[in-house]
Each structure stands twice: as structure tokens, then as C-alpha cells.
Amino acid sequence: MGNYLGSCPEPLTQLLRCAGVIGSSGNHPDGITVNGTSYTTIKLIGEGGYAFVYEGFNNVNGQRVALKRYICSGDTQCRDVNEEIDIYRSMSPSASVVTYYDSEVITRRNTSEPEIWITMEYCEGPSLQDYINTRIQLSESFSVKEVYEIIDNVVQAIGHLHSQSPPISHWDIKPDNFLFTHGGILKLCDFGSASRIYYEPKREAHISAAQDELNSKMTLLYRAPESLDLWSKQRIDTKADIWSLGVLIYVLVFCEMPFEANTVEIIDGVPRRFRSEINSCPEPFAPLMAVVMKTMLVKDPQKRADIFTVSEALSQITKLDSLTRPSEGLETQRPRF
């Protein structure tokens, strides 16, 4: 079949890719053994860069799983994947994060490059982005209860990361990276951008390197101003996740993005709905919600609230439990340069 698909006309190949039968490489295994446990892959459900994600199941107990496969070409990629696994493993299990199960470096038969495979919890529901898109297409706004429950799940996930020692920055908080479980709980996934370091480049060479690295980690519409304007020489750390959270909440409340995909507009840091005196939230959201959003969508990261302050403020609106601020003495993030 591999040879046949390789000779298919491009329209047919593209159709098969869209259907999830094959991916960009056109070469996907039917199964894999990770640390002695055999898995069957059912279908390709996502891909990006040098990674592929499959729906599959454990051949021993029948458990449905997600399998993430990395085809690394070089020490740098392998190091990045191993760092992702280390971070992911350290955060599991957690009710707010897709659960990590196992991983192994594998060299499959008839392949030239070693592959790194991760097995993890399979979330049956759609992504939060798919959920948002469906509601917008149907011209249906979110109920207050829906928004509050989603916000609570997202805040719990970010709080879990920022409570680690040292704190972990996700750096790609967006609706695409939250998946619904069968029970309707949102869980954070994809830790390829996550890091225990911070950026505070001062020299031109460091700024150039930071720009390349952050461009590969972050999504423009959810990026904090300091991550785009590196010449401002501001620290880029967990506060970038707070900006992304503010954008996500803004989308849920207003059903639109706060900024165009325009670097200058994002660096300016003023969301479109907050550019005039009429800048409150639509009914039936509490006016205080706009106030809380403004503590997140602050251009200066030093003046931006942290996740624990945000959680406390949101709890006054949602009446849901707030996060517990970690005790003093946590290890701090280390600088990239």
C-alpha cells in the first residue's frame, strides 16, 4: 500500500491525508511496542513539525490511548523531545493535564532514524477550538455557566504548571491545546513548547536566537507583547501564559479575537473592545469580568497578574474555588542566556 499511495495523483493523496489515512510522510506503522507493551495504531489524528499523533489502543488491556511519535533528525531535536517528556512526566498525573503513561526511544525495522514514542491518555471529545468554532458557526454565544466552567478548567491547568518547582511555562496556551474528555472535562495537552527557563535577552545575538526559538514555540494570536518585541528586553516567563489566558477568556466572552494577526497591534497591547470608554463585557457577564481580563492583558509583564491572583479574582465572579498559592522556597526558573 505504501508504494501505491506514493504513486497516487496529488488530489487523491491529499484526500487520504485529510481523511487521516496517511500523513505527510505517507509511512505510518500499524502498531508499536513501548517498553514491552504492545499498541495498535487506529488512525492518524494530528501532526506538526516532526511529530505525529495517533489514536490507538493497548493490546494487553484494550485501553484507548494516544500515541505521539517523533522522528528526530539530530541531537537538538532529540534533546528538545527529551525535555518535553521530562516536563510532561513531572506533571502527571493531574486532573487538568492529559495523563502521561510511558515513552521509549525506538528504532523500527527498515527505518534509518531513531524515533521517540510517548503513550498518553486519549481524550475522546473535541478540542476547545473545535467547540468554539462550532458555536460561532451556529451563531450561538456561550452561556455564563459554560464560560465559567471552561475558565476554571484552564486556570487549574495553568496553575498546576506554575506551581511546579521550578515553575513551568507552557508558552502555547490556546484553545487548540485543550481537549475535552468523554466526561466533559478540559485537559491541557502538547508540551512541546513548555519550559523551565525564561528569556531576558540583552545582547543582539541573544535577541536573534530568542526570536527564532520563540517563533517556533508560540502562536501569534496568543503571544504576549514582550515575546514579539524582544528589543524591549523584558523578561519572558510564566507571565506570557497569563496573557494567552486573557486572550482565551476574551474569545469566550466576546466570540472574537482581541487582536488581528498583526504584530504591531499585539505589541501595542490594547484589545479592540477595550479601546473606547464602552469597554464592559456583554450581558449577562459580570462587569468585573472585564476588569479581571485587563489584569491579564497588560502590556508590561511586570504589571501583569500571576495565575494565583487571577484565580482569586475570578473566584469572586464564578464562585468556584481559587488556586492555592505555592509556599515559599520553590526553585526558580533559570535564564536561557
Protein backbone atom coordinates (compact mmCIF):
# COMPACT_ATOMS: atom_id res chain seq x y z
CA MET A 1 0.00 0.00 0.00
CA GLY A 2 2.87 2.37 0.77
CA ASN A 3 4.18 2.14 -2.80
CA TYR A 4 0.71 2.55 -4.26
CA LEU A 5 -0.03 5.65 -2.19
CA GLY A 6 3.33 7.09 -3.09
CA SER A 7 2.33 6.98 -6.77
CA CYS A 8 -1.20 8.35 -6.24
CA PRO A 9 -2.17 11.56 -8.03
CA GLU A 10 -1.78 14.51 -5.67
CA PRO A 11 -5.56 15.16 -5.27
CA LEU A 12 -6.13 11.58 -4.09
CA THR A 13 -3.14 11.69 -1.77
CA GLN A 14 -4.42 14.96 -0.31
CA LEU A 15 -7.87 13.43 0.16
CA LEU A 16 -6.37 10.50 2.05
CA ARG A 17 -4.36 12.87 4.20
CA CYS A 18 -7.48 14.84 5.07
CA ALA A 19 -9.26 11.60 5.94
CA GLY A 20 -6.45 10.71 8.33
CA VAL A 21 -5.47 7.58 6.42
CA ILE A 22 -1.95 8.81 5.81
CA GLY A 23 0.08 11.78 6.95
CA SER A 24 2.67 13.93 5.27
CA SER A 25 5.27 11.16 5.43
CA GLY A 26 2.86 8.59 3.95
CA ASN A 27 4.54 5.97 6.18
CA HIS A 28 2.74 5.20 9.42
CA PRO A 29 3.10 1.98 11.45
CA ASP A 30 0.17 -0.28 12.27
CA GLY A 31 1.50 -0.75 15.78
CA ILE A 32 4.42 -0.25 18.13
CA THR A 33 5.83 -1.76 21.32
CA VAL A 34 6.83 0.71 24.04
CA ASN A 35 8.82 -0.70 26.95
CA GLY A 36 7.40 -4.17 26.39
CA THR A 37 3.76 -3.12 25.98
CA SER A 38 2.23 -3.63 22.54
CA TYR A 39 -0.03 -0.99 21.00
CA THR A 40 -2.09 -0.86 17.80
CA THR A 41 -2.49 2.43 15.95
CA ILE A 42 -6.00 3.07 14.65
CA LYS A 43 -5.57 6.31 12.75
CA LEU A 44 -3.52 9.48 12.48
CA ILE A 45 -5.26 12.31 14.37
CA GLY A 46 -2.67 15.07 14.24
CA GLU A 47 0.75 16.09 13.01
CA GLY A 48 3.11 19.02 13.12
CA GLY A 49 6.81 19.53 12.53
CA TYR A 50 8.45 16.16 13.08
CA ALA A 51 5.69 14.74 15.31
CA PHE A 52 2.66 12.56 14.56
CA VAL A 53 -0.19 11.69 16.93
CA TYR A 54 -2.27 8.53 16.57
CA GLU A 55 -5.37 7.16 18.18
CA GLY A 56 -4.64 3.62 19.32
CA PHE A 57 -5.17 1.02 22.00
CA ASN A 58 -3.18 -1.08 24.42
CA ASN A 59 -3.18 -4.67 23.13
CA VAL A 60 -2.87 -6.05 26.67
CA ASN A 61 -5.84 -4.40 28.39
CA GLY A 62 -7.69 -2.79 25.47
CA GLN A 63 -7.30 0.73 26.87
CA ARG A 64 -7.73 3.51 24.31
CA VAL A 65 -4.59 5.67 24.16
CA ALA A 66 -2.96 8.45 22.19
CA LEU A 67 0.48 7.69 20.75
CA LYS A 68 2.85 10.52 19.88
CA ARG A 69 5.69 9.67 17.52
CA TYR A 70 8.73 11.88 16.97
CA ILE A 71 11.09 11.36 14.05
CA CYS A 72 14.19 13.18 15.29
CA SER A 73 16.91 14.27 12.92
CA GLY A 74 19.77 15.50 15.04
CA ASP A 75 20.79 15.95 18.64
CA THR A 76 18.91 19.24 19.07
CA GLN A 77 15.53 17.74 18.21
CA CYS A 78 16.17 14.71 20.42
CA ARG A 79 17.17 16.97 23.31
CA ASP A 80 14.00 19.05 22.89
CA VAL A 81 11.79 15.95 22.87
CA ASN A 82 13.51 14.53 25.94
CA GLU A 83 12.96 17.83 27.75
CA GLU A 84 9.27 17.71 26.77
CA ILE A 85 9.00 14.16 28.13
CA ASP A 86 10.75 15.13 31.37
CA ILE A 87 8.35 18.05 31.89
CA TYR A 88 5.31 16.01 30.90
CA ARG A 89 6.24 13.13 33.20
CA SER A 90 6.79 15.51 36.13
CA MET A 91 3.24 16.89 35.83
CA SER A 92 1.38 13.58 35.64
CA PRO A 93 -1.00 12.53 36.93
CA SER A 94 -3.16 15.64 37.19
CA ALA A 95 -6.89 16.13 36.71
CA SER A 96 -6.21 19.13 34.46
CA VAL A 97 -3.47 17.68 32.22
CA VAL A 98 -3.64 14.84 29.68
CA THR A 99 -2.00 11.95 31.54
CA TYR A 100 1.45 10.72 30.52
CA TYR A 101 1.85 6.91 30.53
CA ASP A 102 5.21 5.90 29.07
CA SER A 103 7.89 6.66 26.47
CA GLU A 104 10.82 5.00 24.73
CA VAL A 105 13.40 5.62 22.02
CA ILE A 106 12.71 3.05 19.29
CA THR A 107 14.46 2.13 16.05
CA ARG A 108 11.90 0.39 13.89
CA ARG A 109 12.78 -2.13 11.21
CA ASN A 110 13.65 -0.58 7.83
CA THR A 111 13.99 2.93 9.30
CA SER A 112 17.19 4.95 9.36
CA GLU A 113 16.36 7.38 12.17
CA PRO A 114 15.50 6.52 15.79
CA GLU A 115 12.01 7.52 16.87
CA ILE A 116 10.74 8.64 20.26
CA TRP A 117 7.27 7.40 21.18
CA ILE A 118 5.06 8.70 24.00
CA THR A 119 1.91 6.94 25.15
CA MET A 120 -0.70 9.08 26.87
CA GLU A 121 -4.34 9.46 27.79
CA TYR A 122 -6.75 9.59 24.85
CA CYS A 123 -9.36 12.36 25.08
CA GLU A 124 -12.44 11.47 23.04
CA GLY A 125 -14.01 14.89 22.86
CA PRO A 126 -13.20 17.77 20.51
CA SER A 127 -10.60 20.43 21.18
CA LEU A 128 -11.78 23.65 22.77
CA GLN A 129 -11.03 25.37 19.44
CA ASP A 130 -13.37 22.99 17.59
CA TYR A 131 -16.01 23.64 20.23
CA ILE A 132 -15.63 27.42 19.85
CA ASN A 133 -15.73 27.19 16.04
CA THR A 134 -18.96 25.18 16.13
CA ARG A 135 -20.65 27.70 18.40
CA ILE A 136 -19.56 30.63 16.25
CA GLN A 137 -20.75 28.90 13.07
CA LEU A 138 -24.14 28.33 14.70
CA SER A 139 -24.19 31.96 15.93
CA GLU A 140 -24.63 30.64 19.46
CA SER A 141 -22.88 32.50 22.25
CA PHE A 142 -21.63 30.69 25.33
CA SER A 143 -23.70 30.65 28.48
CA VAL A 144 -22.19 32.13 31.61
CA LYS A 145 -22.07 28.66 33.18
CA GLU A 146 -20.18 27.23 30.18
CA VAL A 147 -17.63 30.04 30.19
CA TYR A 148 -17.04 29.78 33.93
CA GLU A 149 -16.55 26.00 33.78
CA ILE A 150 -14.13 26.30 30.84
CA ILE A 151 -12.20 29.07 32.56
CA ASP A 152 -11.98 27.00 35.75
CA ASN A 153 -10.51 24.01 33.86
CA VAL A 154 -7.99 26.21 32.03
CA VAL A 155 -6.93 28.09 35.16
CA GLN A 156 -6.47 24.82 37.05
CA ALA A 157 -4.17 23.54 34.30
CA ILE A 158 -2.05 26.69 34.17
CA GLY A 159 -1.93 26.82 37.95
CA HIS A 160 -0.63 23.25 38.04
CA LEU A 161 2.24 24.20 35.72
CA HIS A 162 3.09 27.41 37.54
CA SER A 163 3.09 25.61 40.92
CA GLN A 164 5.93 23.29 39.93
CA SER A 165 9.46 23.72 41.26
CA PRO A 166 10.75 25.40 39.19
CA PRO A 167 7.57 26.79 37.59
CA ILE A 168 6.81 25.55 34.08
CA SER A 169 5.81 27.95 31.32
CA HIS A 170 3.61 26.33 28.68
CA TRP A 171 4.08 29.11 26.10
CA ASP A 172 1.38 27.84 23.77
CA ILE A 173 -1.82 28.27 25.76
CA LYS A 174 -4.63 28.33 23.19
CA PRO A 175 -7.96 26.52 22.60
CA ASP A 176 -6.31 24.01 20.23
CA ASN A 177 -4.27 22.66 23.14
CA PHE A 178 -7.22 21.87 25.40
CA LEU A 179 -9.11 18.64 24.79
CA PHE A 180 -12.44 17.51 26.19
CA THR A 181 -12.63 14.11 27.87
CA HIS A 182 -15.67 11.87 27.48
CA GLY A 183 -16.91 13.33 30.77
CA GLY A 184 -16.68 16.91 29.51
CA ILE A 185 -13.54 17.90 31.43
CA LEU A 186 -10.97 20.04 29.62
CA LYS A 187 -7.37 18.89 29.79
CA LEU A 188 -4.20 20.65 28.66
CA CYS A 189 -2.06 18.83 26.10
CA ASP A 190 1.04 19.35 23.92
CA PHE A 191 4.06 20.28 25.99
CA GLY A 192 6.44 20.73 23.07
CA SER A 193 6.77 24.43 23.89
CA ALA A 194 6.85 24.06 27.68
CA SER A 195 9.98 25.11 29.51
CA ARG A 196 11.55 25.68 32.91
CA ILE A 197 13.69 28.53 31.58
CA TYR A 198 12.99 32.20 30.98
CA TYR A 199 14.23 34.60 28.33
CA GLU A 200 15.66 38.01 29.09
CA PRO A 201 17.95 38.72 26.14
CA LYS A 202 20.19 41.75 26.40
CA ARG A 203 22.64 41.29 23.53
CA GLU A 204 21.83 41.34 19.82
CA ALA A 205 22.94 37.73 19.31
CA HIS A 206 20.73 36.59 22.19
CA ILE A 207 17.77 38.55 20.84
CA SER A 208 18.16 36.89 17.45
CA ALA A 209 18.39 33.42 18.99
CA ALA A 210 15.42 34.06 21.29
CA GLN A 211 13.32 35.30 18.38
CA ASP A 212 13.92 32.11 16.39
CA GLU A 213 13.20 29.87 19.36
CA LEU A 214 10.05 31.70 20.48
CA ASN A 215 8.70 31.84 16.93
CA SER A 216 8.83 28.04 16.87
CA LYS A 217 7.11 27.71 20.25
CA MET A 218 4.33 30.28 20.24
CA THR A 219 1.15 31.05 18.26
CA LEU A 220 0.93 34.66 17.08
CA LEU A 221 -2.67 35.44 18.09
CA TYR A 222 -1.97 34.27 21.66
CA ARG A 223 1.55 35.70 22.04
CA ALA A 224 2.37 38.24 24.70
CA PRO A 225 3.81 41.60 23.55
CA GLU A 226 7.17 41.03 25.25
CA SER A 227 7.68 37.85 23.22
CA LEU A 228 7.25 39.80 19.98
CA ASP A 229 9.17 42.96 20.89
CA LEU A 230 12.42 41.45 22.11
CA TRP A 231 14.18 44.79 21.89
CA SER A 232 12.08 45.85 24.87
CA LYS A 233 14.39 43.45 26.75
CA GLN A 234 11.62 42.39 29.10
CA ARG A 235 11.58 39.02 30.79
CA ILE A 236 9.57 36.28 29.06
CA ASP A 237 8.38 33.67 31.53
CA THR A 238 5.15 32.35 33.07
CA LYS A 239 3.54 35.78 32.64
CA ALA A 240 3.33 35.05 28.89
CA ASP A 241 0.85 32.27 29.75
CA ILE A 242 -1.29 34.81 31.62
CA TRP A 243 -1.54 36.97 28.51
CA SER A 244 -2.58 33.91 26.50
CA LEU A 245 -5.19 33.09 29.15
CA GLY A 246 -6.54 36.62 28.86
CA VAL A 247 -6.89 36.22 25.10
CA LEU A 248 -8.66 32.87 25.54
CA ILE A 249 -11.16 34.29 28.04
CA TYR A 250 -11.74 37.31 25.79
CA VAL A 251 -12.61 34.93 22.93
CA LEU A 252 -15.10 33.04 25.11
CA VAL A 253 -16.81 36.22 26.29
CA PHE A 254 -16.85 38.24 23.05
CA CYS A 255 -16.72 35.40 20.47
CA GLU A 256 -13.95 37.21 18.60
CA MET A 257 -10.19 37.68 18.81
CA PRO A 258 -8.94 40.74 20.69
CA PHE A 259 -6.31 41.44 18.02
CA GLU A 260 -5.78 40.91 14.33
CA ALA A 261 -2.86 38.69 13.33
CA ASN A 262 -0.74 41.82 13.33
CA THR A 263 2.47 42.03 15.32
CA VAL A 264 2.31 45.82 15.75
CA GLU A 265 -1.27 45.66 17.05
CA ILE A 266 -0.43 42.93 19.56
CA ILE A 267 2.69 44.76 20.76
CA ASP A 268 0.53 47.85 21.30
CA GLY A 269 -1.36 45.66 23.75
CA VAL A 270 -4.86 47.17 23.72
CA PRO A 271 -7.69 44.72 22.84
CA ARG A 272 -10.21 46.06 20.34
CA ARG A 273 -13.13 46.02 22.81
CA PHE A 274 -11.11 47.99 25.35
CA ARG A 275 -10.11 50.85 23.04
CA SER A 276 -13.06 53.07 23.93
CA GLU A 277 -14.91 54.14 27.03
CA ILE A 278 -17.54 51.46 26.33
CA ASN A 279 -15.39 48.53 27.35
CA SER A 280 -17.54 46.36 29.59
CA CYS A 281 -18.50 42.74 28.99
CA PRO A 282 -21.75 41.87 27.24
CA GLU A 283 -24.75 40.77 29.27
CA PRO A 284 -25.11 38.55 31.22
CA PHE A 285 -21.42 38.53 32.20
CA ALA A 286 -20.50 40.42 35.34
CA PRO A 287 -18.82 43.81 34.67
CA LEU A 288 -15.98 42.63 36.89
CA MET A 289 -15.00 40.09 34.20
CA ALA A 290 -13.68 42.93 32.01
CA VAL A 291 -11.67 44.23 34.96
CA VAL A 292 -10.08 40.81 35.50
CA MET A 293 -9.29 40.44 31.79
CA LYS A 294 -7.49 43.77 31.90
CA THR A 295 -5.20 42.48 34.65
CA MET A 296 -4.12 39.73 32.25
CA LEU A 297 -3.96 41.73 29.02
CA VAL A 298 -1.37 44.16 30.38
CA LYS A 299 1.47 45.07 28.05
CA ASP A 300 4.10 45.25 30.81
CA PRO A 301 4.64 41.71 32.14
CA GLN A 302 5.87 43.05 35.48
CA LYS A 303 2.45 44.69 36.00
CA ARG A 304 0.53 41.65 34.72
CA ALA A 305 -1.19 39.48 37.34
CA ASP A 306 0.09 35.98 38.07
CA ILE A 307 -2.16 32.92 37.82
CA PHE A 308 -2.90 32.85 41.55
CA THR A 309 -4.03 36.48 41.64
CA VAL A 310 -6.14 35.86 38.53
CA SER A 311 -7.69 32.77 40.10
CA GLU A 312 -8.59 34.64 43.27
CA ALA A 313 -10.23 37.44 41.27
CA LEU A 314 -12.12 35.00 39.04
CA SER A 315 -13.38 33.06 42.06
CA GLN A 316 -15.18 36.21 43.20
CA ILE A 317 -17.13 36.10 39.92
CA THR A 318 -17.57 32.39 39.28
CA LYS A 319 -17.93 31.34 42.94
CA LEU A 320 -15.63 28.41 42.12
CA ASP A 321 -12.63 27.51 44.27
CA SER A 322 -9.47 29.51 43.71
CA LEU A 323 -5.96 28.10 43.42
CA THR A 324 -3.75 27.71 46.45
CA ARG A 325 -0.61 29.80 46.09
CA PRO A 326 2.51 27.63 46.49
CA SER A 327 4.57 28.05 49.63
CA GLU A 328 7.82 29.98 49.56
CA GLY A 329 11.03 28.21 48.65
CA LEU A 330 10.24 26.87 45.19
CA GLU A 331 13.17 26.57 42.83
CA THR A 332 13.23 29.45 40.34
CA GLN A 333 13.38 29.24 36.57
CA ARG A 334 16.85 29.50 35.09
CA PRO A 335 17.82 32.02 32.38
CA ARG A 336 18.20 30.92 28.78
CA PHE A 337 21.24 33.20 28.32
